[in-house]
N, C-alpha and C. Protein backbone atom coordinates (compact mmCIF):
# COMPACT_ATOMS: atom_id res chain seq x y z
N MET A 1 -53.49 -82.39 -36.68
CA MET A 1 -52.46 -82.85 -35.77
C MET A 1 -51.09 -82.83 -36.44
N LYS A 2 -51.05 -83.13 -37.74
CA LYS A 2 -49.78 -83.14 -38.46
C LYS A 2 -49.12 -81.77 -38.47
N ILE A 3 -49.91 -80.72 -38.58
CA ILE A 3 -49.36 -79.36 -38.59
C ILE A 3 -48.71 -79.03 -37.25
N LEU A 4 -49.28 -79.52 -36.17
CA LEU A 4 -48.69 -79.27 -34.85
C LEU A 4 -47.34 -79.97 -34.72
N LEU A 5 -47.22 -81.15 -35.28
CA LEU A 5 -45.94 -81.87 -35.26
C LEU A 5 -44.89 -81.12 -36.10
N GLN A 6 -45.32 -80.58 -37.22
CA GLN A 6 -44.40 -79.82 -38.07
C GLN A 6 -43.96 -78.54 -37.38
N ILE A 7 -44.89 -77.85 -36.72
CA ILE A 7 -44.56 -76.63 -35.98
C ILE A 7 -43.58 -76.97 -34.86
N GLY A 8 -43.82 -78.06 -34.17
CA GLY A 8 -42.92 -78.49 -33.09
C GLY A 8 -41.53 -78.80 -33.61
N ALA A 9 -41.44 -79.46 -34.75
CA ALA A 9 -40.15 -79.79 -35.35
C ALA A 9 -39.39 -78.52 -35.75
N ILE A 10 -40.10 -77.58 -36.34
CA ILE A 10 -39.47 -76.31 -36.73
C ILE A 10 -38.99 -75.56 -35.49
N ALA A 11 -39.81 -75.51 -34.47
CA ALA A 11 -39.42 -74.84 -33.22
C ALA A 11 -38.24 -75.56 -32.57
N GLY A 12 -38.18 -76.88 -32.68
CA GLY A 12 -37.07 -77.64 -32.12
C GLY A 12 -35.74 -77.29 -32.75
N VAL A 13 -35.76 -76.91 -34.01
CA VAL A 13 -34.55 -76.48 -34.70
C VAL A 13 -34.25 -75.01 -34.41
N ILE A 14 -35.27 -74.17 -34.37
CA ILE A 14 -35.07 -72.73 -34.20
C ILE A 14 -34.63 -72.36 -32.78
N LEU A 15 -35.19 -73.00 -31.78
CA LEU A 15 -34.90 -72.62 -30.39
C LEU A 15 -33.41 -72.57 -30.07
N PRO A 16 -32.63 -73.60 -30.39
CA PRO A 16 -31.19 -73.52 -30.08
C PRO A 16 -30.44 -72.45 -30.88
N LEU A 17 -31.01 -71.99 -31.98
CA LEU A 17 -30.35 -70.96 -32.77
C LEU A 17 -30.24 -69.65 -32.00
N PHE A 18 -31.02 -69.49 -30.94
CA PHE A 18 -30.94 -68.29 -30.13
C PHE A 18 -29.65 -68.25 -29.31
N ASN A 19 -28.86 -69.31 -29.36
CA ASN A 19 -27.53 -69.29 -28.75
C ASN A 19 -26.55 -68.48 -29.59
N ILE A 20 -26.83 -68.32 -30.87
CA ILE A 20 -25.92 -67.60 -31.77
C ILE A 20 -25.70 -66.16 -31.31
N PRO A 21 -26.74 -65.38 -30.99
CA PRO A 21 -26.48 -64.01 -30.53
C PRO A 21 -25.61 -63.96 -29.26
N LEU A 22 -25.77 -64.93 -28.38
CA LEU A 22 -24.94 -64.97 -27.17
C LEU A 22 -23.48 -65.18 -27.54
N VAL A 23 -23.20 -66.13 -28.41
CA VAL A 23 -21.83 -66.39 -28.85
C VAL A 23 -21.27 -65.16 -29.56
N MET A 24 -22.06 -64.55 -30.41
CA MET A 24 -21.59 -63.36 -31.14
C MET A 24 -21.28 -62.21 -30.19
N ARG A 25 -22.10 -62.04 -29.15
CA ARG A 25 -21.86 -60.98 -28.16
C ARG A 25 -20.56 -61.25 -27.40
N ILE A 26 -20.33 -62.49 -27.04
CA ILE A 26 -19.10 -62.86 -26.34
C ILE A 26 -17.89 -62.55 -27.21
N ILE A 27 -17.96 -62.93 -28.48
CA ILE A 27 -16.84 -62.71 -29.40
C ILE A 27 -16.62 -61.22 -29.62
N LYS A 28 -17.69 -60.47 -29.81
CA LYS A 28 -17.59 -59.03 -30.06
C LYS A 28 -16.95 -58.31 -28.87
N ARG A 29 -17.36 -58.67 -27.65
CA ARG A 29 -16.82 -58.01 -26.46
C ARG A 29 -15.50 -58.62 -26.02
N LYS A 30 -15.18 -59.78 -26.56
CA LYS A 30 -13.99 -60.53 -26.16
C LYS A 30 -13.96 -60.77 -24.65
N SER A 31 -15.15 -61.02 -24.11
CA SER A 31 -15.28 -61.29 -22.68
C SER A 31 -16.54 -62.11 -22.42
N ALA A 32 -16.38 -63.09 -21.53
CA ALA A 32 -17.52 -63.87 -21.07
C ALA A 32 -17.57 -63.85 -19.55
N ASP A 33 -16.96 -62.82 -18.98
CA ASP A 33 -16.86 -62.74 -17.52
C ASP A 33 -18.22 -62.60 -16.84
N ASP A 34 -19.22 -62.12 -17.55
CA ASP A 34 -20.55 -61.97 -16.95
C ASP A 34 -21.36 -63.26 -17.01
N ILE A 35 -20.78 -64.31 -17.56
CA ILE A 35 -21.48 -65.59 -17.66
C ILE A 35 -20.85 -66.56 -16.66
N SER A 36 -21.68 -67.13 -15.83
CA SER A 36 -21.22 -68.06 -14.81
C SER A 36 -20.75 -69.37 -15.44
N LEU A 37 -19.53 -69.77 -15.11
CA LEU A 37 -19.01 -71.04 -15.60
C LEU A 37 -19.80 -72.22 -15.03
N ILE A 38 -20.25 -72.08 -13.79
CA ILE A 38 -21.07 -73.13 -13.17
C ILE A 38 -22.36 -73.31 -13.96
N TRP A 39 -22.97 -72.20 -14.35
CA TRP A 39 -24.21 -72.27 -15.13
C TRP A 39 -23.95 -72.92 -16.48
N VAL A 40 -22.92 -72.46 -17.18
CA VAL A 40 -22.62 -72.98 -18.53
C VAL A 40 -22.38 -74.49 -18.48
N PHE A 41 -21.52 -74.91 -17.57
CA PHE A 41 -21.20 -76.34 -17.51
C PHE A 41 -22.37 -77.15 -16.96
N GLY A 42 -23.15 -76.58 -16.06
CA GLY A 42 -24.34 -77.26 -15.55
C GLY A 42 -25.36 -77.52 -16.65
N VAL A 43 -25.63 -76.51 -17.44
CA VAL A 43 -26.58 -76.65 -18.55
C VAL A 43 -26.04 -77.63 -19.58
N TRP A 44 -24.75 -77.50 -19.91
CA TRP A 44 -24.15 -78.35 -20.93
C TRP A 44 -24.17 -79.82 -20.51
N ILE A 45 -23.84 -80.10 -19.26
CA ILE A 45 -23.87 -81.48 -18.77
C ILE A 45 -25.29 -82.04 -18.83
N CYS A 46 -26.27 -81.24 -18.44
CA CYS A 46 -27.66 -81.69 -18.52
C CYS A 46 -28.07 -81.97 -19.96
N ILE A 47 -27.65 -81.11 -20.88
CA ILE A 47 -27.96 -81.33 -22.30
C ILE A 47 -27.31 -82.63 -22.78
N LEU A 48 -26.06 -82.84 -22.41
CA LEU A 48 -25.37 -84.07 -22.83
C LEU A 48 -26.03 -85.31 -22.24
N LEU A 49 -26.48 -85.22 -20.99
CA LEU A 49 -27.14 -86.37 -20.37
C LEU A 49 -28.53 -86.64 -20.97
N MET A 50 -29.20 -85.59 -21.43
CA MET A 50 -30.52 -85.73 -22.05
C MET A 50 -30.43 -86.19 -23.51
N SER A 51 -29.31 -85.95 -24.15
CA SER A 51 -29.17 -86.18 -25.58
C SER A 51 -29.46 -87.60 -26.03
N PRO A 52 -28.97 -88.63 -25.34
CA PRO A 52 -29.30 -89.98 -25.82
C PRO A 52 -30.80 -90.24 -25.91
N ALA A 53 -31.56 -89.73 -24.96
CA ALA A 53 -33.02 -89.89 -25.01
C ALA A 53 -33.59 -89.15 -26.21
N ALA A 54 -33.05 -87.97 -26.49
CA ALA A 54 -33.52 -87.19 -27.64
C ALA A 54 -33.17 -87.91 -28.95
N PHE A 55 -31.96 -88.42 -29.05
CA PHE A 55 -31.51 -89.08 -30.28
C PHE A 55 -32.31 -90.34 -30.58
N MET A 56 -32.76 -91.03 -29.56
CA MET A 56 -33.50 -92.28 -29.75
C MET A 56 -35.02 -92.08 -29.80
N SER A 57 -35.47 -90.87 -29.57
CA SER A 57 -36.90 -90.59 -29.51
C SER A 57 -37.56 -90.73 -30.88
N SER A 58 -38.78 -91.17 -30.86
CA SER A 58 -39.55 -91.22 -32.10
C SER A 58 -40.18 -89.86 -32.41
N ASP A 59 -40.15 -88.96 -31.44
CA ASP A 59 -40.69 -87.61 -31.61
C ASP A 59 -39.67 -86.77 -32.38
N ILE A 60 -40.01 -86.41 -33.60
CA ILE A 60 -39.09 -85.68 -34.47
C ILE A 60 -38.70 -84.32 -33.89
N ALA A 61 -39.63 -83.64 -33.22
CA ALA A 61 -39.33 -82.33 -32.65
C ALA A 61 -38.27 -82.46 -31.55
N PHE A 62 -38.42 -83.44 -30.69
CA PHE A 62 -37.46 -83.66 -29.61
C PHE A 62 -36.11 -84.10 -30.17
N ARG A 63 -36.13 -84.95 -31.19
CA ARG A 63 -34.90 -85.44 -31.79
C ARG A 63 -34.13 -84.30 -32.46
N LEU A 64 -34.82 -83.49 -33.25
CA LEU A 64 -34.17 -82.35 -33.90
C LEU A 64 -33.63 -81.37 -32.88
N PHE A 65 -34.42 -81.07 -31.85
CA PHE A 65 -33.98 -80.18 -30.79
C PHE A 65 -32.72 -80.73 -30.14
N GLY A 66 -32.67 -82.02 -29.88
CA GLY A 66 -31.51 -82.64 -29.26
C GLY A 66 -30.25 -82.44 -30.08
N TYR A 67 -30.32 -82.74 -31.37
CA TYR A 67 -29.15 -82.59 -32.23
C TYR A 67 -28.68 -81.14 -32.30
N VAL A 68 -29.59 -80.23 -32.60
CA VAL A 68 -29.22 -78.83 -32.79
C VAL A 68 -28.77 -78.21 -31.48
N ASN A 69 -29.40 -78.57 -30.38
CA ASN A 69 -29.04 -78.00 -29.08
C ASN A 69 -27.64 -78.42 -28.66
N VAL A 70 -27.28 -79.67 -28.87
CA VAL A 70 -25.92 -80.13 -28.53
C VAL A 70 -24.89 -79.32 -29.32
N ILE A 71 -25.13 -79.14 -30.59
CA ILE A 71 -24.17 -78.43 -31.44
C ILE A 71 -24.02 -76.97 -31.00
N PHE A 72 -25.13 -76.26 -30.88
CA PHE A 72 -25.05 -74.84 -30.61
C PHE A 72 -24.67 -74.53 -29.16
N PHE A 73 -25.11 -75.33 -28.21
CA PHE A 73 -24.71 -75.04 -26.83
C PHE A 73 -23.25 -75.41 -26.60
N THR A 74 -22.75 -76.37 -27.34
CA THR A 74 -21.31 -76.65 -27.27
C THR A 74 -20.54 -75.42 -27.76
N GLY A 75 -21.08 -74.72 -28.74
CA GLY A 75 -20.48 -73.45 -29.18
C GLY A 75 -20.49 -72.40 -28.08
N VAL A 76 -21.56 -72.35 -27.32
CA VAL A 76 -21.63 -71.42 -26.19
C VAL A 76 -20.55 -71.77 -25.15
N VAL A 77 -20.42 -73.05 -24.86
CA VAL A 77 -19.41 -73.48 -23.89
C VAL A 77 -18.01 -73.11 -24.39
N TYR A 78 -17.73 -73.39 -25.63
CA TYR A 78 -16.42 -73.09 -26.20
C TYR A 78 -16.12 -71.58 -26.12
N ALA A 79 -17.07 -70.76 -26.56
CA ALA A 79 -16.84 -69.31 -26.54
C ALA A 79 -16.70 -68.79 -25.12
N THR A 80 -17.50 -69.32 -24.20
CA THR A 80 -17.43 -68.86 -22.81
C THR A 80 -16.08 -69.20 -22.21
N VAL A 81 -15.61 -70.41 -22.41
CA VAL A 81 -14.31 -70.80 -21.85
C VAL A 81 -13.18 -70.01 -22.51
N LYS A 82 -13.26 -69.85 -23.82
CA LYS A 82 -12.21 -69.14 -24.54
C LYS A 82 -12.10 -67.68 -24.10
N TYR A 83 -13.22 -67.03 -23.85
CA TYR A 83 -13.22 -65.61 -23.54
C TYR A 83 -13.43 -65.30 -22.06
N HIS A 84 -13.41 -66.32 -21.22
CA HIS A 84 -13.53 -66.07 -19.78
C HIS A 84 -12.14 -65.76 -19.26
N HIS A 85 -11.97 -64.65 -18.59
CA HIS A 85 -10.64 -64.20 -18.19
C HIS A 85 -9.98 -65.06 -17.13
N ARG A 86 -10.71 -65.92 -16.48
CA ARG A 86 -10.07 -66.84 -15.52
C ARG A 86 -9.11 -67.77 -16.23
N PHE A 87 -9.33 -68.00 -17.50
CA PHE A 87 -8.50 -68.94 -18.23
C PHE A 87 -7.41 -68.24 -19.05
N LYS A 88 -7.37 -66.94 -19.00
CA LYS A 88 -6.36 -66.20 -19.76
C LYS A 88 -5.10 -66.03 -18.93
N LYS A 89 -3.96 -66.17 -19.57
CA LYS A 89 -2.69 -65.94 -18.89
C LYS A 89 -2.47 -64.45 -18.76
N LYS A 90 -1.93 -64.05 -17.64
CA LYS A 90 -1.69 -62.62 -17.42
C LYS A 90 -0.31 -62.24 -17.89
């Protein structure tokens, strides 16, 4: 059972790291126009609302996922807003 908890904890840290390629693609193309702002902010708000439960959880996998997910998805939000052309001055 201990090995399953360790695997879950490792996966909880690794899963949000998959946001990195998305941020890198946005930066490389200098555009986030193909990403819905409603989706980005909807997901981010849900993550923020879930975070207190994750931070207080005794489940290490959920707690680690909560911390890492807030950090990396905030990066997605930042890159999306920065490179979304609706926010660029013409």
